[in-house]
C-alpha atoms as a PDB file:
ATOM      1  CA  MET A   1       0.000   0.000   0.000  1.00  0.00           C
ATOM      2  CA  THR A   2       2.840   2.397   0.870  1.00  0.00           C
ATOM      3  CA  ARG A   3       4.448   1.781  -2.514  1.00  0.00           C
ATOM      4  CA  LEU A   4       1.116   2.386  -4.260  1.00  0.00           C
ATOM      5  CA  ILE A   5       0.597   5.665  -2.438  1.00  0.00           C
ATOM      6  CA  SER A   6       4.150   6.764  -3.256  1.00  0.00           C
ATOM      7  CA  ALA A   7       3.674   5.841  -6.901  1.00  0.00           C
ATOM      8  CA  LEU A   8       0.421   7.757  -7.163  1.00  0.00           C
ATOM      9  CA  TRP A   9       1.967  10.728  -5.389  1.00  0.00           C
ATOM     10  CA  LEU A  10       4.901  10.679  -7.824  1.00  0.00           C
ATOM     11  CA  ILE A  11       2.567  10.518 -10.814  1.00  0.00           C
ATOM     12  CA  THR A  12       0.594  13.431  -9.447  1.00  0.00           C
ATOM     13  CA  SER A  13       3.729  15.475  -8.794  1.00  0.00           C
ATOM     14  CA  VAL A  14       5.171  14.905 -12.247  1.00  0.00           C
ATOM     15  CA  ALA A  15       1.890  15.329 -14.094  1.00  0.00           C
ATOM     16  CA  ALA A  16       0.988  18.492 -12.222  1.00  0.00           C
ATOM     17  CA  GLY A  17       4.276  20.083 -13.275  1.00  0.00           C
ATOM     18  CA  THR A  18       3.833  23.813 -13.169  1.00  0.00           C
ATOM     19  CA  ALA A  19       0.447  23.387 -11.474  1.00  0.00           C
ATOM     20  CA  TRP A  20       2.440  23.079  -8.240  1.00  0.00           C
ATOM     21  CA  ALA A  21       5.207  25.457  -9.228  1.00  0.00           C
ATOM     22  CA  GLN A  22       3.445  28.830  -9.263  1.00  0.00           C
ATOM     23  CA  PRO A  23       2.237  29.740  -5.769  1.00  0.00           C
ATOM     24  CA  PHE A  24       2.699  33.299  -4.596  1.00  0.00           C
ATOM     25  CA  PRO A  25       5.885  33.784  -2.546  1.00  0.00           C
ATOM     26  CA  THR A  26       5.493  32.762   1.089  1.00  0.00           C
ATOM     27  CA  ASN A  27       5.191  35.247   3.938  1.00  0.00           C
ATOM     28  CA  GLU A  28       7.607  35.557   6.859  1.00  0.00           C
ATOM     29  CA  ALA A  29       6.039  32.480   8.478  1.00  0.00           C
ATOM     30  CA  GLY A  30       6.753  30.459   5.317  1.00  0.00           C
ATOM     31  CA  VAL A  31       3.073  30.188   4.291  1.00  0.00           C
ATOM     32  CA  THR A  32       1.241  30.869   1.036  1.00  0.00           C
ATOM     33  CA  MET A  33      -2.216  29.923  -0.226  1.00  0.00           C
ATOM     34  CA  GLY A  34      -2.134  26.546  -1.969  1.00  0.00           C
ATOM     35  CA  HIS A  35      -5.421  25.015  -3.073  1.00  0.00           C
ATOM     36  CA  LEU A  36      -9.152  24.511  -2.681  1.00  0.00           C
ATOM     37  CA  HIS A  37     -10.208  20.853  -2.700  1.00  0.00           C
ATOM     38  CA  LEU A  38     -13.687  20.175  -4.069  1.00  0.00           C
ATOM     39  CA  ASN A  39     -15.446  16.836  -3.724  1.00  0.00           C
ATOM     40  CA  SER A  40     -17.045  17.115  -7.158  1.00  0.00           C
ATOM     41  CA  ARG A  41     -20.065  15.065  -8.141  1.00  0.00           C
ATOM     42  CA  ASP A  42     -19.730  16.495 -11.653  1.00  0.00           C
ATOM     43  CA  VAL A  43     -16.115  17.345 -12.453  1.00  0.00           C
ATOM     44  CA  GLU A  44     -16.904  18.524 -15.977  1.00  0.00           C
ATOM     45  CA  ALA A  45     -19.588  20.977 -14.831  1.00  0.00           C
ATOM     46  CA  ASN A  46     -17.311  22.430 -12.173  1.00  0.00           C
ATOM     47  CA  ARG A  47     -14.328  22.623 -14.506  1.00  0.00           C
ATOM     48  CA  LYS A  48     -16.449  24.573 -17.008  1.00  0.00           C
ATOM     49  CA  ILE A  49     -17.356  27.094 -14.315  1.00  0.00           C
ATOM     50  CA  PHE A  50     -13.809  27.703 -13.095  1.00  0.00           C
ATOM     51  CA  VAL A  51     -12.460  27.927 -16.637  1.00  0.00           C
ATOM     52  CA  ALA A  52     -15.170  30.484 -17.451  1.00  0.00           C
ATOM     53  CA  VAL A  53     -14.081  32.483 -14.401  1.00  0.00           C
ATOM     54  CA  GLY A  54     -10.635  32.607 -16.020  1.00  0.00           C
ATOM     55  CA  GLY A  55      -8.664  29.598 -14.778  1.00  0.00           C
ATOM     56  CA  THR A  56      -6.559  27.169 -16.790  1.00  0.00           C
ATOM     57  CA  ALA A  57      -7.537  23.489 -16.720  1.00  0.00           C
ATOM     58  CA  THR A  58      -4.968  20.717 -16.399  1.00  0.00           C
ATOM     59  CA  LYS A  59      -4.861  17.078 -15.318  1.00  0.00           C
ATOM     60  CA  ALA A  60      -2.702  15.468 -12.633  1.00  0.00           C
ATOM     61  CA  GLY A  61      -3.235  11.791 -11.886  1.00  0.00           C
ATOM     62  CA  ASP A  62      -6.698  11.369 -10.361  1.00  0.00           C
ATOM     63  CA  PHE A  63      -7.168  15.107 -10.128  1.00  0.00           C
ATOM     64  CA  ASP A  64      -8.638  17.614 -12.506  1.00  0.00           C
ATOM     65  CA  ILE A  65      -7.110  20.968 -11.588  1.00  0.00           C
ATOM     66  CA  VAL A  66      -8.028  24.496 -12.600  1.00  0.00           C
ATOM     67  CA  ARG A  67      -5.100  26.832 -11.965  1.00  0.00           C
ATOM     68  CA  PHE A  68      -5.370  30.469 -10.930  1.00  0.00           C
ATOM     69  CA  PRO A  69      -2.696  32.890  -9.804  1.00  0.00           C
ATOM     70  CA  GLY A  70      -2.636  32.326  -6.066  1.00  0.00           C
ATOM     71  CA  VAL A  71      -4.551  29.031  -5.886  1.00  0.00           C
ATOM     72  CA  ASN A  72      -5.204  25.680  -7.570  1.00  0.00           C
ATOM     73  CA  VAL A  73      -8.747  24.305  -7.532  1.00  0.00           C
ATOM     74  CA  TYR A  74      -8.724  20.508  -7.208  1.00  0.00           C
ATOM     75  CA  LEU A  75     -11.797  18.704  -8.561  1.00  0.00           C
ATOM     76  CA  HIS A  76     -11.982  15.135  -7.385  1.00  0.00           C
ATOM     77  CA  LEU A  77     -14.182  12.439  -5.891  1.00  0.00           C
ATOM     78  CA  ARG A  78     -12.225   9.272  -5.235  1.00  0.00           C
ATOM     79  CA  PRO A  79     -13.694   6.063  -6.700  1.00  0.00           C
ATOM     80  CA  GLY A  80     -15.828   4.366  -4.060  1.00  0.00           C
ATOM     81  CA  ALA A  81     -15.761   7.410  -1.775  1.00  0.00           C
ATOM     82  CA  PRO A  82     -19.104   8.713  -0.531  1.00  0.00           C
ATOM     83  CA  PRO A  83     -20.391  11.824  -2.313  1.00  0.00           C
ATOM     84  CA  PRO A  84     -20.303  15.105  -0.418  1.00  0.00           C
ATOM     85  CA  THR A  85     -22.845  15.389   2.352  1.00  0.00           C
ATOM     86  CA  GLY A  86     -23.940  18.761   1.026  1.00  0.00           C
ATOM     87  CA  GLY A  87     -22.856  22.135  -0.214  1.00  0.00           C
ATOM     88  CA  ASN A  88     -20.987  24.596   1.946  1.00  0.00           C
ATOM     89  CA  ASP A  89     -24.035  26.424   3.247  1.00  0.00           C
ATOM     90  CA  GLY A  90     -23.970  25.943   7.005  1.00  0.00           C
ATOM     91  CA  THR A  91     -20.228  25.242   7.201  1.00  0.00           C
ATOM     92  CA  VAL A  92     -17.559  27.527   8.585  1.00  0.00           C
ATOM     93  CA  VAL A  93     -16.416  28.412   5.034  1.00  0.00           C
ATOM     94  CA  HIS A  94     -19.167  30.451   3.416  1.00  0.00           C
ATOM     95  CA  GLN A  95     -17.595  31.177   0.032  1.00  0.00           C
ATOM     96  CA  ALA A  96     -14.486  31.444  -2.102  1.00  0.00           C
ATOM     97  CA  GLY A  97     -13.761  34.527  -4.162  1.00  0.00           C
ATOM     98  CA  PHE A  98     -11.817  35.601  -7.233  1.00  0.00           C
ATOM     99  CA  SER A  99     -10.944  39.102  -8.401  1.00  0.00           C
ATOM    100  CA  VAL A 100     -10.967  40.142 -12.054  1.00  0.00           C
ATOM    101  CA  GLN A 101     -10.132  43.286 -13.980  1.00  0.00           C
ATOM    102  CA  ASP A 102     -13.596  43.424 -15.541  1.00  0.00           C
ATOM    103  CA  VAL A 103     -16.612  41.874 -13.810  1.00  0.00           C
ATOM    104  CA  GLN A 104     -18.972  42.412 -16.748  1.00  0.00           C
ATOM    105  CA  GLU A 105     -16.615  40.637 -19.144  1.00  0.00           C
ATOM    106  CA  THR A 106     -16.405  37.691 -16.739  1.00  0.00           C
ATOM    107  CA  VAL A 107     -20.186  37.636 -16.278  1.00  0.00           C
ATOM    108  CA  ASP A 108     -20.676  37.590 -20.066  1.00  0.00           C
ATOM    109  CA  ARG A 109     -18.229  34.681 -20.361  1.00  0.00           C
ATOM    110  CA  LEU A 110     -20.041  32.759 -17.616  1.00  0.00           C
ATOM    111  CA  LYS A 111     -23.422  33.316 -19.255  1.00  0.00           C
ATOM    112  CA  THR A 112     -22.048  32.198 -22.619  1.00  0.00           C
ATOM    113  CA  ALA A 113     -20.900  28.999 -20.902  1.00  0.00           C
ATOM    114  CA  GLY A 114     -24.426  28.517 -19.545  1.00  0.00           C
ATOM    115  CA  VAL A 115     -23.483  29.290 -15.941  1.00  0.00           C
ATOM    116  CA  PRO A 116     -26.185  31.106 -13.919  1.00  0.00           C
ATOM    117  CA  VAL A 117     -24.701  34.202 -12.302  1.00  0.00           C
ATOM    118  CA  GLU A 118     -26.179  36.948 -10.134  1.00  0.00           C
ATOM    119  CA  VAL A 119     -24.854  40.479 -10.672  1.00  0.00           C
ATOM    120  CA  ARG A 120     -24.862  42.810  -7.683  1.00  0.00           C
ATOM    121  CA  GLY A 121     -23.950  46.272  -8.801  1.00  0.00           C
ATOM    122  CA  PRO A 122     -21.189  47.087 -11.290  1.00  0.00           C
ATOM    123  CA  ASN A 123     -18.334  45.529  -9.314  1.00  0.00           C
ATOM    124  CA  GLN A 124     -19.559  42.239  -7.878  1.00  0.00           C
ATOM    125  CA  ALA A 125     -21.241  39.022  -8.955  1.00  0.00           C
ATOM    126  CA  PHE A 126     -22.022  35.658  -7.369  1.00  0.00           C
ATOM    127  CA  LEU A 127     -22.614  32.151  -8.607  1.00  0.00           C
ATOM    128  CA  MET A 128     -23.321  28.768  -7.071  1.00  0.00           C
ATOM    129  CA  THR A 129     -21.724  25.583  -8.369  1.00  0.00           C
ATOM    130  CA  PRO A 130     -24.058  22.632  -9.009  1.00  0.00           C
ATOM    131  CA  ASP A 131     -22.633  21.027  -5.859  1.00  0.00           C
ATOM    132  CA  GLY A 132     -23.425  24.049  -3.716  1.00  0.00           C
ATOM    133  CA  LEU A 133     -20.207  26.085  -3.388  1.00  0.00           C
ATOM    134  CA  ARG A 134     -20.788  29.830  -3.413  1.00  0.00           C
ATOM    135  CA  ILE A 135     -18.273  31.820  -5.472  1.00  0.00           C
ATOM    136  CA  ALA A 136     -17.863  35.594  -5.432  1.00  0.00           C
ATOM    137  CA  ILE A 137     -16.417  37.566  -8.343  1.00  0.00           C
ATOM    138  CA  VAL A 138     -15.131  41.022  -7.430  1.00  0.00           C
ATOM    139  CA  GLU A 139     -13.626  43.692  -9.646  1.00  0.00           C
ATOM    140  CA  ASP A 140     -10.172  45.191  -9.209  1.00  0.00           C
ATOM    141  CA  LYS A 141      -9.227  47.204 -12.267  1.00  0.00           C
ATOM    142  CA  ALA A 142      -5.850  48.036 -10.714  1.00  0.00           C
ATOM    143  CA  GLN A 143      -4.605  44.448 -10.476  1.00  0.00           C
ATOM    144  CA  ASN A 144      -1.993  43.417 -13.040  1.00  0.00           C
ATOM    145  CA  LEU A 145      -3.572  40.002 -13.735  1.00  0.00           C
ATOM    146  CA  PRO A 146      -6.835  39.295 -15.587  1.00  0.00           C
ATOM    147  CA  VAL A 147      -7.926  37.019 -12.723  1.00  0.00           C
ATOM    148  CA  ARG A 148      -6.511  35.888  -9.397  1.00  0.00           C
ATOM    149  CA  HIS A 149      -7.657  34.183  -6.253  1.00  0.00           C
ATOM    150  CA  HIS A 150      -9.045  36.773  -3.888  1.00  0.00           C
ATOM    151  CA  HIS A 151     -10.506  35.379  -0.668  1.00  0.00           C
ATOM    152  CA  VAL A 152     -11.860  32.635   1.516  1.00  0.00           C
ATOM    153  CA  GLN A 153     -14.749  33.873   3.636  1.00  0.00           C
ATOM    154  CA  PHE A 154     -15.496  32.302   6.994  1.00  0.00           C
ATOM    155  CA  PHE A 155     -18.787  32.478   8.905  1.00  0.00           C
ATOM    156  CA  VAL A 156     -18.413  32.374  12.687  1.00  0.00           C
ATOM    157  CA  ALA A 157     -20.100  33.812  15.749  1.00  0.00           C
ATOM    158  CA  GLU A 158     -19.414  37.534  16.114  1.00  0.00           C
ATOM    159  CA  GLN A 159     -17.377  37.095  19.294  1.00  0.00           C
ATOM    160  CA  ALA A 160     -15.139  34.561  17.516  1.00  0.00           C
ATOM    161  CA  ILE A 161     -14.085  36.933  14.720  1.00  0.00           C
ATOM    162  CA  PRO A 162     -11.169  38.607  16.551  1.00  0.00           C
ATOM    163  CA  GLU A 163     -10.070  35.213  17.902  1.00  0.00           C
ATOM    164  CA  MET A 164     -10.026  33.660  14.439  1.00  0.00           C
ATOM    165  CA  GLN A 165      -8.211  36.604  12.911  1.00  0.00           C
ATOM    166  CA  ALA A 166      -5.610  36.460  15.688  1.00  0.00           C
ATOM    167  CA  TRP A 167      -5.208  32.667  15.361  1.00  0.00           C
ATOM    168  CA  TYR A 168      -4.292  32.876  11.670  1.00  0.00           C
ATOM    169  CA  ALA A 169      -2.049  35.859  12.346  1.00  0.00           C
ATOM    170  CA  ARG A 170      -0.173  34.115  15.154  1.00  0.00           C
ATOM    171  CA  LEU A 171       0.252  30.680  13.574  1.00  0.00           C
ATOM    172  CA  PHE A 172       0.163  31.357   9.814  1.00  0.00           C
ATOM    173  CA  GLY A 173       1.769  34.780   9.747  1.00  0.00           C
ATOM    174  CA  ALA A 174      -1.361  36.360   8.267  1.00  0.00           C
ATOM    175  CA  LYS A 175      -1.469  40.158   8.361  1.00  0.00           C
ATOM    176  CA  PRO A 176      -4.549  41.374  10.282  1.00  0.00           C
ATOM    177  CA  VAL A 177      -6.274  44.357   8.665  1.00  0.00           C
ATOM    178  CA  ILE A 178      -9.673  46.043   8.642  1.00  0.00           C
ATOM    179  CA  GLN A 179     -11.157  46.854   5.225  1.00  0.00           C
ATOM    180  CA  GLY A 180     -14.501  48.589   4.952  1.00  0.00           C
ATOM    181  CA  GLY A 181     -15.278  47.575   8.508  1.00  0.00           C
ATOM    182  CA  ASN A 182     -14.519  43.917   7.736  1.00  0.00           C
ATOM    183  CA  SER A 183     -11.908  41.872   9.599  1.00  0.00           C
ATOM    184  CA  ILE A 184      -9.355  40.272   7.277  1.00  0.00           C
ATOM    185  CA  ALA A 185      -6.145  38.295   7.632  1.00  0.00           C
ATOM    186  CA  GLU A 186      -3.944  38.581   4.545  1.00  0.00           C
ATOM    187  CA  ILE A 187      -2.029  35.516   3.314  1.00  0.00           C
ATOM    188  CA  PRO A 188      -0.094  35.541   0.016  1.00  0.00           C
ATOM    189  CA  GLY A 189      -2.667  34.419  -2.539  1.00  0.00           C
ATOM    190  CA  ALA A 190      -5.738  35.017  -0.353  1.00  0.00           C
ATOM    191  CA  ASN A 191      -7.542  37.337   1.983  1.00  0.00           C
ATOM    192  CA  LEU A 192      -9.008  35.341   4.846  1.00  0.00           C
ATOM    193  CA  ARG A 193     -12.243  37.195   5.570  1.00  0.00           C
ATOM    194  CA  PHE A 194     -14.306  36.772   8.722  1.00  0.00           C
ATOM    195  CA  ALA A 195     -18.018  37.544   8.887  1.00  0.00           C
ATOM    196  CA  LYS A 196     -20.574  36.968  11.614  1.00  0.00           C
ATOM    197  CA  THR A 197     -23.398  34.471  11.553  1.00  0.00           C
ATOM    198  CA  ASP A 198     -26.062  33.830  14.158  1.00  0.00           C
ATOM    199  CA  THR A 199     -26.432  30.216  13.004  1.00  0.00           C
ATOM    200  CA  PRO A 200     -24.098  27.506  14.318  1.00  0.00           C
ATOM    201  CA  THR A 201     -21.733  26.176  11.660  1.00  0.00           C
ATOM    202  CA  VAL A 202     -20.131  22.776  11.094  1.00  0.00           C
ATOM    203  CA  THR A 203     -16.838  21.532   9.687  1.00  0.00           C
ATOM    204  CA  THR A 204     -16.068  21.660   5.983  1.00  0.00           C
ATOM    205  CA  LYS A 205     -14.853  18.048   5.949  1.00  0.00           C
ATOM    206  CA  GLY A 206     -17.143  15.894   3.865  1.00  0.00           C
ATOM    207  CA  ARG A 207     -18.799  18.831   2.119  1.00  0.00           C
ATOM    208  CA  VAL A 208     -18.219  20.023  -1.434  1.00  0.00           C
ATOM    209  CA  LEU A 209     -15.358  22.282  -0.382  1.00  0.00           C
ATOM    210  CA  ASP A 210     -13.808  19.619   1.813  1.00  0.00           C
ATOM    211  CA  HIS A 211     -10.699  21.535   2.773  1.00  0.00           C
ATOM    212  CA  ILE A 212      -8.468  24.455   1.989  1.00  0.00           C
ATOM    213  CA  GLY A 213      -4.732  24.010   1.509  1.00  0.00           C
ATOM    214  CA  PHE A 214      -1.687  26.074   2.339  1.00  0.00           C
ATOM    215  CA  ASP A 215       1.812  25.530   0.984  1.00  0.00           C
ATOM    216  CA  VAL A 216       4.427  25.738   3.736  1.00  0.00           C
ATOM    217  CA  LYS A 217       8.192  25.928   3.853  1.00  0.00           C
ATOM    218  CA  ASN A 218       9.811  23.462   6.278  1.00  0.00           C
ATOM    219  CA  LEU A 219       6.600  21.667   7.166  1.00  0.00           C
ATOM    220  CA  GLU A 220       8.118  19.667  10.022  1.00  0.00           C
ATOM    221  CA  ALA A 221       9.162  22.814  11.873  1.00  0.00           C
ATOM    222  CA  PHE A 222       5.816  24.437  11.124  1.00  0.00           C
ATOM    223  CA  LEU A 223       3.937  21.468  12.578  1.00  0.00           C
ATOM    224  CA  GLN A 224       6.094  21.576  15.705  1.00  0.00           C
ATOM    225  CA  LYS A 225       5.030  25.199  16.147  1.00  0.00           C
ATOM    226  CA  LEU A 226       1.367  24.262  15.715  1.00  0.00           C
ATOM    227  CA  GLU A 227       1.588  21.383  18.178  1.00  0.00           C
ATOM    228  CA  ALA A 228       3.330  23.603  20.720  1.00  0.00           C
ATOM    229  CA  ALA A 229       0.336  25.936  20.388  1.00  0.00           C
ATOM    230  CA  GLY A 230      -2.048  23.066  21.132  1.00  0.00           C
ATOM    231  CA  VAL A 231      -3.088  22.187  17.579  1.00  0.00           C
ATOM    232  CA  LYS A 232      -3.678  18.464  17.095  1.00  0.00           C
ATOM    233  CA  LEU A 233      -2.733  16.801  13.824  1.00  0.00           C
ATOM    234  CA  ASP A 234      -5.565  14.967  12.104  1.00  0.00           C
ATOM    235  CA  ARG A 235      -3.003  13.363   9.790  1.00  0.00           C
ATOM    236  CA  PRO A 236       0.655  13.472  10.855  1.00  0.00           C
ATOM    237  CA  TYR A 237       3.575  14.624   8.779  1.00  0.00           C
ATOM    238  CA  THR A 238       3.848  12.302   5.785  1.00  0.00           C
ATOM    239  CA  LYS A 239       6.759  12.584   3.381  1.00  0.00           C
ATOM    240  CA  ASN A 240       7.084  11.191  -0.103  1.00  0.00           C
ATOM    241  CA  PRO A 241      10.812  10.323  -0.460  1.00  0.00           C
ATOM    242  CA  LEU A 242      10.481  10.099  -4.229  1.00  0.00           C
ATOM    243  CA  THR A 243       9.451  13.718  -4.666  1.00  0.00           C
ATOM    244  CA  ASN A 244      10.539  15.364  -1.389  1.00  0.00           C
ATOM    245  CA  SER A 245       6.946  16.518  -0.977  1.00  0.00           C
ATOM    246  CA  ALA A 246       5.187  16.258   2.361  1.00  0.00           C
ATOM    247  CA  LEU A 247       1.732  16.852   3.777  1.00  0.00           C
ATOM    248  CA  ALA A 248      -0.301  16.930   6.971  1.00  0.00           C
ATOM    249  CA  PHE A 249      -3.897  17.750   7.922  1.00  0.00           C
ATOM    250  CA  ILE A 250      -5.308  19.794  10.779  1.00  0.00           C
ATOM    251  CA  TYR A 251      -8.533  21.528  11.796  1.00  0.00           C
ATOM    252  CA  ASP A 252      -8.653  25.119  12.899  1.00  0.00           C
ATOM    253  CA  PRO A 253     -10.588  25.633  16.169  1.00  0.00           C
ATOM    254  CA  TRP A 254     -13.764  26.522  14.224  1.00  0.00           C
ATOM    255  CA  GLY A 255     -13.889  23.384  12.076  1.00  0.00           C
ATOM    256  CA  THR A 256     -12.110  24.359   8.874  1.00  0.00           C
ATOM    257  CA  TYR A 257     -10.334  21.285   7.524  1.00  0.00           C
ATOM    258  CA  ILE A 258      -6.849  22.298   6.357  1.00  0.00           C
ATOM    259  CA  GLU A 259      -4.191  20.516   4.320  1.00  0.00           C
ATOM    260  CA  LEU A 260      -0.601  21.652   4.734  1.00  0.00           C
ATOM    261  CA  ASN A 261       1.815  20.891   1.904  1.00  0.00           C
ATOM    262  CA  GLU A 262       5.553  21.192   1.476  1.00  0.00           C
ATOM    263  CA  ARG A 263       6.502  21.107  -2.180  1.00  0.00           C
ATOM    264  CA  PRO A 264       9.940  21.388  -3.766  1.00  0.00           C
ATOM    265  CA  GLY A 265      10.534  24.881  -5.109  1.00  0.00           C
ATOM    266  CA  THR A 266       7.982  26.717  -2.962  1.00  0.00           C
ATOM    267  CA  PRO A 267       9.189  30.346  -3.191  1.00  0.00           C
END
């Protein structure tokens, strides 16, 4: 079994090629945004949506991947694995977001691809994947890329917002800021945004957006820091000696399932 896992991991690493080679440079804590992992009932339908948003589709082993500056979107449901238990409504992660230079152009492209999209004013639009993941499209005419990953938005109780912002700042090196009255923690490749909800939320694990991923330099040392802070590993440090890649899984205190990856060449 170990050899099979290593072989599959090697195939994925080689086939992904540049799909793993273009994260944004890490912050001082050695962290950058890595990926969003979707348990996709319909990979083709989801791939069409993310390509229409502006991503580039590729294939890596069992995974269909749509690449964006700042994040890779993994579309996968393992053979024999149970389908997602639902969309992300009601989980701690409310939505993912992308920024574009021209919202109307992106909306037109989505509509041409047959993707229902809701426009809210001249600078913002929303869509829902068939599996139930909410995606925001925001406009930033000043950005130097046609499209890039913009944010992951969390829903938590109001009193938990400063705690969550501080947790990601302390352990992931995220920069805490306030924008338009909203609490944000900036990670290379993503704004982690925190909004209040009066409804209890559950973990992302098992839902359509099963987990979010961060790429980390020196994962072993990073995990030691997390464990010293009381974070328990859901999956311990696992290294692939054939590729020098490594991974681990944790939960944040609010139920977000998180994959941590160390990949050769992470800037």
